Each structure stands twice: as C-alpha cells, then as structure tokens.
Amino acid sequence: MTDFNKIKETLVSLDVQHLIELVNEALKKGTSAVDILNDGLIAGMDIVGEKMENEDMFIPEVLMAAQAMSQCVEILKPLLGDEGSSTKGNVIIGTVKGDLHDIGKNLVSMMMESAGMEVYNLGVDIAPEDFVSQIREKNAQIVCLSALLTTTMPMMKLTVDAIVEAGLRDQVKILVGGAPVTQEFADEIGADGFAADAGSASKLAKKLAA
C-alpha cells in the first residue's frame, strides 16, 4: 500500500532525491500513475500553495517544490497516457501588452501545471488580440492576465473588452494578478477573480475549472 502522506511530506520538505525514490517505489508496488500524481504530488503542491499563502514558504522554496514535482511527472508521463489521465482545464497565461515582468507569472504557471492543468504560457507584452486568438486556438477555459505596473493595468481592461467583443466571454473565466492589482480593480474591469499570489491563483483556477 502506497503511503501518499509520505510523498506529500517529502515534496513539502523539498527532499527531491527521496521523492523520486518514493515515486519509483510506488510504481513498483503497482500503484497507478494517476493516483501517485493526484493523491501524492498534486496534493503535496496544494499544501505548498497554502504555505505560500500563509507566508510559511517563500518563492525560492516554492520553485524548488514545483521543479521537484516536474521531475516526478516526467517519470509518470509515459504511464499517464495509458491510464487516460485528463487535465483539469486549459489555461492561458500572459503578461499584458507594455509590461515585461514575468517572474510572478511564471511561478503561477508552474503552480497551475502542478495542479494538473494544461498551461500555455504566452510570455510578456501580449496584446489583447493575441489573447483572443490563443483562447480560440487552445480552447481555453481560463485566462490569466498579469500586470506589475500601474501604467499597464488599463491594458487588462482592454484585454477583457477584446474577449467580450470576440464573443468569447462566456467560454472563459478571467483571473488577474500582479503587485498593484486588487480585488476592487478585478471587479471594476469585469474579471472573474483576483489572486494575490501563486498559491491562491492555482487554488482559484482549480475551483473555476471544476
């Protein structure tokens, strides 16, 4: 019987080598790759997200946890296809036009991938029409807009407006985030949600994709 709590604890404690050993042991015991992913790794990253929200873990540690998770997912990947693993939603994420900040966005992207979502990270300086074309192309359910400057926050509103004008607003949930962004601003521009950090962004995306 696989001890999923041990996998979770080892991921949270950032013991990468031991984590990889536990994943390989679980596979040898015949535990399904999907169960290891969902009950061990994703559940562990949920704890990491909560710790980040509570400021018990900080960005370097969260990045280490996400990278450890990625290494284990590489081991599981060949088996996940066989077991009919399904992603928990298509997500598009990008920093809006005029803004070149990407560290926070990339961390959100990693956390969402760790939560089992298919994430398309568009990069920085993304124009409203590019978000629109990517929603169509990737059949996205969630769009995440990032802005780190007060001067680029209005571009979030223009992007939301472009999604509405394209007739895609009913198809997607729009999340916004970044240092100067607030819940009030999210409400003002017609977004579905705001997240202050990567942990809460991942949790909110999972809730909206459910």
C-alpha atoms as a PDB file:
ATOM      1  CA  MET A   1       0.000   0.000   0.000  1.00  0.00           C
ATOM      2  CA  THR A   2       1.473   3.349  -1.031  1.00  0.00           C
ATOM      3  CA  ASP A   3       1.783   5.971   1.699  1.00  0.00           C
ATOM      4  CA  PHE A   4       0.634   9.109  -0.110  1.00  0.00           C
ATOM      5  CA  ASN A   5       1.181  11.188   3.034  1.00  0.00           C
ATOM      6  CA  LYS A   6       4.879  10.301   2.887  1.00  0.00           C
ATOM      7  CA  ILE A   7       5.026  11.505  -0.734  1.00  0.00           C
ATOM      8  CA  LYS A   8       3.279  14.750   0.215  1.00  0.00           C
ATOM      9  CA  GLU A   9       5.552  15.372   3.212  1.00  0.00           C
ATOM     10  CA  THR A  10       8.690  14.634   1.189  1.00  0.00           C
ATOM     11  CA  LEU A  11       7.624  17.060  -1.541  1.00  0.00           C
ATOM     12  CA  VAL A  12       6.865  19.784   1.003  1.00  0.00           C
ATOM     13  CA  SER A  13      10.233  19.190   2.718  1.00  0.00           C
ATOM     14  CA  LEU A  14      11.963  19.606  -0.698  1.00  0.00           C
ATOM     15  CA  ASP A  15      13.842  16.280  -0.454  1.00  0.00           C
ATOM     16  CA  VAL A  16      13.988  15.741  -4.226  1.00  0.00           C
ATOM     17  CA  GLN A  17      16.045  12.550  -4.300  1.00  0.00           C
ATOM     18  CA  HIS A  18      13.875  10.818  -1.696  1.00  0.00           C
ATOM     19  CA  LEU A  19      10.735  11.988  -3.507  1.00  0.00           C
ATOM     20  CA  ILE A  20      11.904  10.396  -6.770  1.00  0.00           C
ATOM     21  CA  GLU A  21      12.688   7.159  -4.868  1.00  0.00           C
ATOM     22  CA  LEU A  22       9.195   7.136  -3.314  1.00  0.00           C
ATOM     23  CA  VAL A  23       7.532   7.649  -6.712  1.00  0.00           C
ATOM     24  CA  ASN A  24       9.551   4.808  -8.252  1.00  0.00           C
ATOM     25  CA  GLU A  25       8.780   2.548  -5.254  1.00  0.00           C
ATOM     26  CA  ALA A  26       5.054   3.291  -5.584  1.00  0.00           C
ATOM     27  CA  LEU A  27       5.146   2.354  -9.283  1.00  0.00           C
ATOM     28  CA  LYS A  28       6.966  -0.914  -8.464  1.00  0.00           C
ATOM     29  CA  LYS A  29       4.206  -1.735  -5.972  1.00  0.00           C
ATOM     30  CA  GLY A  30       1.696  -1.378  -8.804  1.00  0.00           C
ATOM     31  CA  THR A  31       0.179   1.937  -7.670  1.00  0.00           C
ATOM     32  CA  SER A  32      -1.365   3.727 -10.622  1.00  0.00           C
ATOM     33  CA  ALA A  33       0.474   6.754 -12.015  1.00  0.00           C
ATOM     34  CA  VAL A  34      -2.744   8.798 -11.862  1.00  0.00           C
ATOM     35  CA  ASP A  35      -3.126   8.071  -8.126  1.00  0.00           C
ATOM     36  CA  ILE A  36       0.517   8.960  -7.446  1.00  0.00           C
ATOM     37  CA  LEU A  37       0.025  12.214  -9.366  1.00  0.00           C
ATOM     38  CA  ASN A  38      -3.298  13.206  -7.793  1.00  0.00           C
ATOM     39  CA  ASP A  39      -3.080  11.834  -4.238  1.00  0.00           C
ATOM     40  CA  GLY A  40       0.654  12.349  -3.740  1.00  0.00           C
ATOM     41  CA  LEU A  41       2.172  15.078  -5.896  1.00  0.00           C
ATOM     42  CA  ILE A  42      -0.755  17.402  -6.635  1.00  0.00           C
ATOM     43  CA  ALA A  43      -1.987  17.060  -3.036  1.00  0.00           C
ATOM     44  CA  GLY A  44       1.543  17.944  -1.889  1.00  0.00           C
ATOM     45  CA  MET A  45       1.635  21.029  -4.110  1.00  0.00           C
ATOM     46  CA  ASP A  46      -1.731  22.087  -2.632  1.00  0.00           C
ATOM     47  CA  ILE A  47      -0.001  22.153   0.769  1.00  0.00           C
ATOM     48  CA  VAL A  48       2.900  24.138  -0.742  1.00  0.00           C
ATOM     49  CA  GLY A  49       0.362  26.634  -2.142  1.00  0.00           C
ATOM     50  CA  GLU A  50      -1.288  27.024   1.274  1.00  0.00           C
ATOM     51  CA  LYS A  51       2.091  27.506   2.946  1.00  0.00           C
ATOM     52  CA  MET A  52       2.934  30.189   0.386  1.00  0.00           C
ATOM     53  CA  GLU A  53      -0.361  31.975   1.067  1.00  0.00           C
ATOM     54  CA  ASN A  54       0.389  31.868   4.809  1.00  0.00           C
ATOM     55  CA  GLU A  55       3.981  33.026   4.203  1.00  0.00           C
ATOM     56  CA  ASP A  56       5.379  29.790   5.676  1.00  0.00           C
ATOM     57  CA  MET A  57       7.137  29.143   2.347  1.00  0.00           C
ATOM     58  CA  PHE A  58       8.704  31.670   0.011  1.00  0.00           C
ATOM     59  CA  ILE A  59       9.269  31.909  -3.741  1.00  0.00           C
ATOM     60  CA  PRO A  60      12.640  30.075  -3.916  1.00  0.00           C
ATOM     61  CA  GLU A  61      11.227  27.131  -1.934  1.00  0.00           C
ATOM     62  CA  VAL A  62       8.012  27.057  -3.971  1.00  0.00           C
ATOM     63  CA  LEU A  63      10.084  26.998  -7.169  1.00  0.00           C
ATOM     64  CA  MET A  64      12.122  24.097  -5.785  1.00  0.00           C
ATOM     65  CA  ALA A  65       8.932  22.188  -4.938  1.00  0.00           C
ATOM     66  CA  ALA A  66       7.481  22.816  -8.413  1.00  0.00           C
ATOM     67  CA  GLN A  67      10.718  21.651 -10.047  1.00  0.00           C
ATOM     68  CA  ALA A  68      10.784  18.507  -7.875  1.00  0.00           C
ATOM     69  CA  MET A  69       7.202  17.820  -8.898  1.00  0.00           C
ATOM     70  CA  SER A  70       8.139  18.298 -12.578  1.00  0.00           C
ATOM     71  CA  GLN A  71      10.914  15.717 -12.301  1.00  0.00           C
ATOM     72  CA  CYS A  72       8.464  13.191 -10.859  1.00  0.00           C
ATOM     73  CA  VAL A  73       5.856  13.973 -13.512  1.00  0.00           C
ATOM     74  CA  GLU A  74       8.485  13.128 -16.160  1.00  0.00           C
ATOM     75  CA  ILE A  75       8.756   9.646 -14.579  1.00  0.00           C
ATOM     76  CA  LEU A  76       4.962   9.246 -14.573  1.00  0.00           C
ATOM     77  CA  LYS A  77       4.258  10.750 -18.025  1.00  0.00           C
ATOM     78  CA  PRO A  78       4.737   7.571 -20.107  1.00  0.00           C
ATOM     79  CA  LEU A  79       2.184   5.796 -17.879  1.00  0.00           C
ATOM     80  CA  LEU A  80      -0.317   8.623 -17.539  1.00  0.00           C
ATOM     81  CA  GLY A  81      -1.330   8.371 -21.205  1.00  0.00           C
ATOM     82  CA  ASP A  82      -2.135   4.683 -20.765  1.00  0.00           C
ATOM     83  CA  GLU A  83      -4.366   5.398 -17.804  1.00  0.00           C
ATOM     84  CA  GLY A  84      -6.429   8.034 -19.563  1.00  0.00           C
ATOM     85  CA  SER A  85      -5.297  10.895 -17.385  1.00  0.00           C
ATOM     86  CA  SER A  86      -7.280  14.019 -18.125  1.00  0.00           C
ATOM     87  CA  THR A  87      -6.163  17.578 -17.477  1.00  0.00           C
ATOM     88  CA  LYS A  88      -8.230  19.786 -15.208  1.00  0.00           C
ATOM     89  CA  GLY A  89      -8.656  22.622 -17.699  1.00  0.00           C
ATOM     90  CA  ASN A  90      -6.805  24.590 -20.379  1.00  0.00           C
ATOM     91  CA  VAL A  91      -5.242  27.784 -19.062  1.00  0.00           C
ATOM     92  CA  ILE A  92      -3.707  30.685 -20.992  1.00  0.00           C
ATOM     93  CA  ILE A  93      -1.437  32.990 -19.026  1.00  0.00           C
ATOM     94  CA  GLY A  94       0.463  36.070 -20.084  1.00  0.00           C
ATOM     95  CA  THR A  95       1.714  39.490 -19.016  1.00  0.00           C
ATOM     96  CA  VAL A  96      -0.306  42.202 -20.752  1.00  0.00           C
ATOM     97  CA  LYS A  97       0.976  44.465 -23.529  1.00  0.00           C
ATOM     98  CA  GLY A  98       3.508  47.059 -22.418  1.00  0.00           C
ATOM     99  CA  ASP A  99       4.640  45.041 -19.385  1.00  0.00           C
ATOM    100  CA  LEU A 100       7.783  42.865 -19.415  1.00  0.00           C
ATOM    101  CA  HIS A 101       7.603  41.346 -15.920  1.00  0.00           C
ATOM    102  CA  ASP A 102       7.394  37.570 -15.823  1.00  0.00           C
ATOM    103  CA  ILE A 103       8.742  36.033 -12.586  1.00  0.00           C
ATOM    104  CA  GLY A 104       5.382  36.059 -10.779  1.00  0.00           C
ATOM    105  CA  LYS A 105       3.527  34.912 -13.883  1.00  0.00           C
ATOM    106  CA  ASN A 106       5.940  32.028 -14.396  1.00  0.00           C
ATOM    107  CA  LEU A 107       5.501  30.924 -10.791  1.00  0.00           C
ATOM    108  CA  VAL A 108       1.703  30.974 -11.209  1.00  0.00           C
ATOM    109  CA  SER A 109       2.136  28.954 -14.399  1.00  0.00           C
ATOM    110  CA  MET A 110       4.243  26.322 -12.596  1.00  0.00           C
ATOM    111  CA  MET A 111       1.751  26.081  -9.716  1.00  0.00           C
ATOM    112  CA  MET A 112      -1.156  25.596 -12.120  1.00  0.00           C
ATOM    113  CA  GLU A 113       0.745  22.922 -14.043  1.00  0.00           C
ATOM    114  CA  SER A 114       1.485  21.256 -10.721  1.00  0.00           C
ATOM    115  CA  ALA A 115      -2.261  21.266 -10.042  1.00  0.00           C
ATOM    116  CA  GLY A 116      -2.805  19.165 -13.176  1.00  0.00           C
ATOM    117  CA  MET A 117      -3.816  21.889 -15.612  1.00  0.00           C
ATOM    118  CA  GLU A 118      -2.682  22.316 -19.207  1.00  0.00           C
ATOM    119  CA  VAL A 119      -0.989  25.721 -19.128  1.00  0.00           C
ATOM    120  CA  TYR A 120       0.002  27.776 -22.165  1.00  0.00           C
ATOM    121  CA  ASN A 121       2.415  30.467 -21.018  1.00  0.00           C
ATOM    122  CA  LEU A 122       2.348  33.160 -23.716  1.00  0.00           C
ATOM    123  CA  GLY A 123       5.153  35.241 -22.214  1.00  0.00           C
ATOM    124  CA  VAL A 124       5.226  39.019 -21.768  1.00  0.00           C
ATOM    125  CA  ASP A 125       3.957  42.077 -23.676  1.00  0.00           C
ATOM    126  CA  ILE A 126       0.915  40.193 -25.014  1.00  0.00           C
ATOM    127  CA  ALA A 127      -1.616  42.257 -26.984  1.00  0.00           C
ATOM    128  CA  PRO A 128      -5.384  41.827 -26.411  1.00  0.00           C
ATOM    129  CA  GLU A 129      -5.885  40.318 -29.890  1.00  0.00           C
ATOM    130  CA  ASP A 130      -3.204  37.711 -29.163  1.00  0.00           C
ATOM    131  CA  PHE A 131      -5.023  36.604 -26.019  1.00  0.00           C
ATOM    132  CA  VAL A 132      -8.207  36.329 -28.108  1.00  0.00           C
ATOM    133  CA  SER A 133      -6.585  34.226 -30.848  1.00  0.00           C
ATOM    134  CA  GLN A 134      -4.980  31.923 -28.256  1.00  0.00           C
ATOM    135  CA  ILE A 135      -8.305  31.381 -26.467  1.00  0.00           C
ATOM    136  CA  ARG A 136      -9.737  30.168 -29.773  1.00  0.00           C
ATOM    137  CA  GLU A 137      -6.710  28.100 -30.734  1.00  0.00           C
ATOM    138  CA  LYS A 138      -6.224  26.398 -27.338  1.00  0.00           C
ATOM    139  CA  ASN A 139      -9.941  26.171 -26.466  1.00  0.00           C
ATOM    140  CA  ALA A 140      -9.081  27.755 -23.118  1.00  0.00           C
ATOM    141  CA  GLN A 141     -11.377  27.706 -20.098  1.00  0.00           C
ATOM    142  CA  ILE A 142      -9.270  30.101 -18.027  1.00  0.00           C
ATOM    143  CA  VAL A 143      -7.291  33.210 -18.980  1.00  0.00           C
ATOM    144  CA  CYS A 144      -4.806  34.716 -16.517  1.00  0.00           C
ATOM    145  CA  LEU A 145      -3.668  38.308 -17.032  1.00  0.00           C
ATOM    146  CA  SER A 146      -0.639  39.672 -15.205  1.00  0.00           C
ATOM    147  CA  ALA A 147       0.470  43.293 -14.773  1.00  0.00           C
ATOM    148  CA  LEU A 148       3.228  44.559 -12.499  1.00  0.00           C
ATOM    149  CA  LEU A 149       2.939  48.258 -13.359  1.00  0.00           C
ATOM    150  CA  THR A 150       0.088  50.638 -12.580  1.00  0.00           C
ATOM    151  CA  THR A 151       0.604  52.054 -16.093  1.00  0.00           C
ATOM    152  CA  THR A 152      -0.192  48.679 -17.720  1.00  0.00           C
ATOM    153  CA  MET A 153      -3.241  47.858 -15.583  1.00  0.00           C
ATOM    154  CA  PRO A 154      -5.581  49.608 -18.084  1.00  0.00           C
ATOM    155  CA  MET A 155      -4.372  47.063 -20.674  1.00  0.00           C
ATOM    156  CA  MET A 156      -6.083  44.376 -18.567  1.00  0.00           C
ATOM    157  CA  LYS A 157      -9.395  46.182 -19.093  1.00  0.00           C
ATOM    158  CA  LEU A 158      -8.733  46.443 -22.850  1.00  0.00           C
ATOM    159  CA  THR A 159      -7.961  42.710 -22.944  1.00  0.00           C
ATOM    160  CA  VAL A 160     -11.188  41.840 -21.115  1.00  0.00           C
ATOM    161  CA  ASP A 161     -13.087  44.119 -23.529  1.00  0.00           C
ATOM    162  CA  ALA A 162     -11.458  42.389 -26.524  1.00  0.00           C
ATOM    163  CA  ILE A 163     -12.522  38.965 -25.182  1.00  0.00           C
ATOM    164  CA  VAL A 164     -16.082  40.255 -24.781  1.00  0.00           C
ATOM    165  CA  GLU A 165     -16.113  41.763 -28.295  1.00  0.00           C
ATOM    166  CA  ALA A 166     -14.849  38.493 -29.761  1.00  0.00           C
ATOM    167  CA  GLY A 167     -17.885  36.709 -28.273  1.00  0.00           C
ATOM    168  CA  LEU A 168     -15.689  34.506 -26.068  1.00  0.00           C
ATOM    169  CA  ARG A 169     -16.561  35.874 -22.633  1.00  0.00           C
ATOM    170  CA  ASP A 170     -18.983  33.050 -21.787  1.00  0.00           C
ATOM    171  CA  GLN A 171     -16.340  30.459 -22.656  1.00  0.00           C
ATOM    172  CA  VAL A 172     -13.623  31.660 -20.262  1.00  0.00           C
ATOM    173  CA  LYS A 173     -13.045  32.654 -16.673  1.00  0.00           C
ATOM    174  CA  ILE A 174     -10.644  35.608 -16.404  1.00  0.00           C
ATOM    175  CA  LEU A 175      -8.210  35.876 -13.488  1.00  0.00           C
ATOM    176  CA  VAL A 176      -5.998  38.904 -12.878  1.00  0.00           C
ATOM    177  CA  GLY A 177      -2.973  39.406 -10.661  1.00  0.00           C
ATOM    178  CA  GLY A 178       0.213  41.354 -10.065  1.00  0.00           C
ATOM    179  CA  ALA A 179       1.610  43.654  -7.402  1.00  0.00           C
ATOM    180  CA  PRO A 180      -0.634  46.703  -7.999  1.00  0.00           C
ATOM    181  CA  VAL A 181      -3.800  44.703  -8.821  1.00  0.00           C
ATOM    182  CA  THR A 182      -6.636  44.431  -6.276  1.00  0.00           C
ATOM    183  CA  GLN A 183      -9.965  42.648  -5.957  1.00  0.00           C
ATOM    184  CA  GLU A 184     -11.701  46.007  -6.471  1.00  0.00           C
ATOM    185  CA  PHE A 185      -9.867  46.511  -9.757  1.00  0.00           C
ATOM    186  CA  ALA A 186     -10.757  42.959 -10.852  1.00  0.00           C
ATOM    187  CA  ASP A 187     -14.443  43.699 -10.161  1.00  0.00           C
ATOM    188  CA  GLU A 188     -14.202  47.046 -11.947  1.00  0.00           C
ATOM    189  CA  ILE A 189     -12.885  45.555 -15.211  1.00  0.00           C
ATOM    190  CA  GLY A 190     -15.250  42.564 -15.173  1.00  0.00           C
ATOM    191  CA  ALA A 191     -12.752  39.810 -14.307  1.00  0.00           C
ATOM    192  CA  ASP A 192     -13.948  36.636 -12.556  1.00  0.00           C
ATOM    193  CA  GLY A 193     -11.278  36.631  -9.906  1.00  0.00           C
ATOM    194  CA  PHE A 194      -8.117  38.073  -8.385  1.00  0.00           C
ATOM    195  CA  ALA A 195      -5.235  36.267  -6.732  1.00  0.00           C
ATOM    196  CA  ALA A 196      -2.547  37.869  -4.597  1.00  0.00           C
ATOM    197  CA  ASP A 197      -0.026  35.039  -5.007  1.00  0.00           C
ATOM    198  CA  ALA A 198       0.699  31.867  -6.973  1.00  0.00           C
ATOM    199  CA  GLY A 199      -0.785  29.519  -4.370  1.00  0.00           C
ATOM    200  CA  SER A 200      -4.149  31.263  -4.252  1.00  0.00           C
ATOM    201  CA  ALA A 201      -4.129  31.695  -8.071  1.00  0.00           C
ATOM    202  CA  SER A 202      -3.748  27.950  -8.523  1.00  0.00           C
ATOM    203  CA  LYS A 203      -6.480  27.182  -5.977  1.00  0.00           C
ATOM    204  CA  LEU A 204      -8.875  29.698  -7.587  1.00  0.00           C
ATOM    205  CA  ALA A 205      -8.206  28.350 -11.089  1.00  0.00           C
ATOM    206  CA  LYS A 206      -8.950  24.801  -9.943  1.00  0.00           C
ATOM    207  CA  LYS A 207     -12.199  25.961  -8.358  1.00  0.00           C
ATOM    208  CA  LEU A 208     -13.271  27.845 -11.513  1.00  0.00           C
ATOM    209  CA  ALA A 209     -12.337  24.948 -13.802  1.00  0.00           C
ATOM    210  CA  ALA A 210     -14.314  22.414 -11.756  1.00  0.00           C
END
